[in-house]
Amino acid sequence: MAENEAVRRLQASIDLLKERMRIDSNDLEYESHLRQKRQLQRILDRLLAKEAAKDADEKNPL
């Protein structure tokens, strides 16, 4: 349950940064937003992979 909330919040942050990147496309802040977005995306990807592995373990117990 908490992981779902974390996924939702991470995705919302990524979406907000994407919007800011459109606004700041000619600004130095664009690079900062891009780095932050990439970092959040890596975190989100790891969290989703962890959830997928957990679901697979639950479906196929030894």
C-alpha atoms as a PDB file:
ATOM      1  CA  MET A   1       0.000   0.000   0.000  1.00  0.00           C
ATOM      2  CA  ALA A   2       2.760   2.437   0.925  1.00  0.00           C
ATOM      3  CA  GLU A   3       4.676   1.399  -2.187  1.00  0.00           C
ATOM      4  CA  ASN A   4       1.687   2.332  -4.357  1.00  0.00           C
ATOM      5  CA  GLU A   5       1.632   5.770  -2.755  1.00  0.00           C
ATOM      6  CA  ALA A   6       5.367   6.114  -3.359  1.00  0.00           C
ATOM      7  CA  VAL A   7       4.915   5.156  -7.017  1.00  0.00           C
ATOM      8  CA  ARG A   8       2.106   7.682  -7.399  1.00  0.00           C
ATOM      9  CA  ARG A   9       4.110  10.467  -5.766  1.00  0.00           C
ATOM     10  CA  LEU A  10       7.243   9.707  -7.798  1.00  0.00           C
ATOM     11  CA  GLN A  11       5.269   9.702 -11.035  1.00  0.00           C
ATOM     12  CA  ALA A  12       3.580  12.977 -10.093  1.00  0.00           C
ATOM     13  CA  SER A  13       7.001  14.533  -9.424  1.00  0.00           C
ATOM     14  CA  ILE A  14       8.324  13.287 -12.757  1.00  0.00           C
ATOM     15  CA  ASP A  15       5.277  14.661 -14.584  1.00  0.00           C
ATOM     16  CA  LEU A  16       5.685  18.030 -12.870  1.00  0.00           C
ATOM     17  CA  LEU A  17       9.352  18.167 -13.877  1.00  0.00           C
ATOM     18  CA  LYS A  18       8.437  17.346 -17.491  1.00  0.00           C
ATOM     19  CA  GLU A  19       6.068  20.314 -17.490  1.00  0.00           C
ATOM     20  CA  ARG A  20       8.696  22.583 -15.924  1.00  0.00           C
ATOM     21  CA  MET A  21      11.177  21.463 -18.579  1.00  0.00           C
ATOM     22  CA  ARG A  22       8.778  22.657 -21.280  1.00  0.00           C
ATOM     23  CA  ILE A  23       8.455  26.028 -19.576  1.00  0.00           C
ATOM     24  CA  ASP A  24      12.183  26.367 -18.862  1.00  0.00           C
ATOM     25  CA  SER A  25      13.352  24.944 -22.185  1.00  0.00           C
ATOM     26  CA  ASN A  26      15.591  27.958 -22.849  1.00  0.00           C
ATOM     27  CA  ASP A  27      16.784  28.310 -19.312  1.00  0.00           C
ATOM     28  CA  LEU A  28      19.704  26.928 -17.324  1.00  0.00           C
ATOM     29  CA  GLU A  29      17.184  25.315 -14.983  1.00  0.00           C
ATOM     30  CA  TYR A  30      16.294  22.878 -17.774  1.00  0.00           C
ATOM     31  CA  GLU A  31      19.460  20.859 -17.142  1.00  0.00           C
ATOM     32  CA  SER A  32      18.755  20.783 -13.433  1.00  0.00           C
ATOM     33  CA  HIS A  33      15.200  19.597 -14.056  1.00  0.00           C
ATOM     34  CA  LEU A  34      16.455  16.984 -16.496  1.00  0.00           C
ATOM     35  CA  ARG A  35      18.955  15.543 -13.994  1.00  0.00           C
ATOM     36  CA  GLN A  36      16.337  15.467 -11.255  1.00  0.00           C
ATOM     37  CA  LYS A  37      13.788  13.823 -13.567  1.00  0.00           C
ATOM     38  CA  ARG A  38      16.280  11.146 -14.576  1.00  0.00           C
ATOM     39  CA  GLN A  39      17.124  10.432 -10.946  1.00  0.00           C
ATOM     40  CA  LEU A  40      13.458  10.140  -9.988  1.00  0.00           C
ATOM     41  CA  GLN A  41      12.811   7.908 -12.997  1.00  0.00           C
ATOM     42  CA  ARG A  42      15.613   5.545 -11.915  1.00  0.00           C
ATOM     43  CA  ILE A  43      14.109   5.359  -8.420  1.00  0.00           C
ATOM     44  CA  LEU A  44      10.650   4.712  -9.847  1.00  0.00           C
ATOM     45  CA  ASP A  45      11.963   2.012 -12.186  1.00  0.00           C
ATOM     46  CA  ARG A  46      13.702   0.224  -9.298  1.00  0.00           C
ATOM     47  CA  LEU A  47      10.576   0.421  -7.146  1.00  0.00           C
ATOM     48  CA  LEU A  48       8.394  -0.961  -9.941  1.00  0.00           C
ATOM     49  CA  ALA A  49      10.894  -3.778 -10.606  1.00  0.00           C
ATOM     50  CA  LYS A  50      10.855  -4.636  -6.911  1.00  0.00           C
ATOM     51  CA  GLU A  51       7.045  -4.763  -6.942  1.00  0.00           C
ATOM     52  CA  ALA A  52       7.047  -6.934 -10.082  1.00  0.00           C
ATOM     53  CA  ALA A  53       9.519  -9.361  -8.502  1.00  0.00           C
ATOM     54  CA  LYS A  54       7.431  -9.480  -5.334  1.00  0.00           C
ATOM     55  CA  ASP A  55       4.269 -10.200  -7.358  1.00  0.00           C
ATOM     56  CA  ALA A  56       6.070 -12.934  -9.306  1.00  0.00           C
ATOM     57  CA  ASP A  57       7.282 -14.538  -6.055  1.00  0.00           C
ATOM     58  CA  GLU A  58       3.742 -14.503  -4.664  1.00  0.00           C
ATOM     59  CA  LYS A  59       2.350 -16.131  -7.805  1.00  0.00           C
ATOM     60  CA  ASN A  60       5.075 -18.814  -7.992  1.00  0.00           C
ATOM     61  CA  PRO A  61       6.010 -19.893  -4.455  1.00  0.00           C
ATOM     62  CA  LEU A  62       8.615 -22.634  -4.153  1.00  0.00           C
END
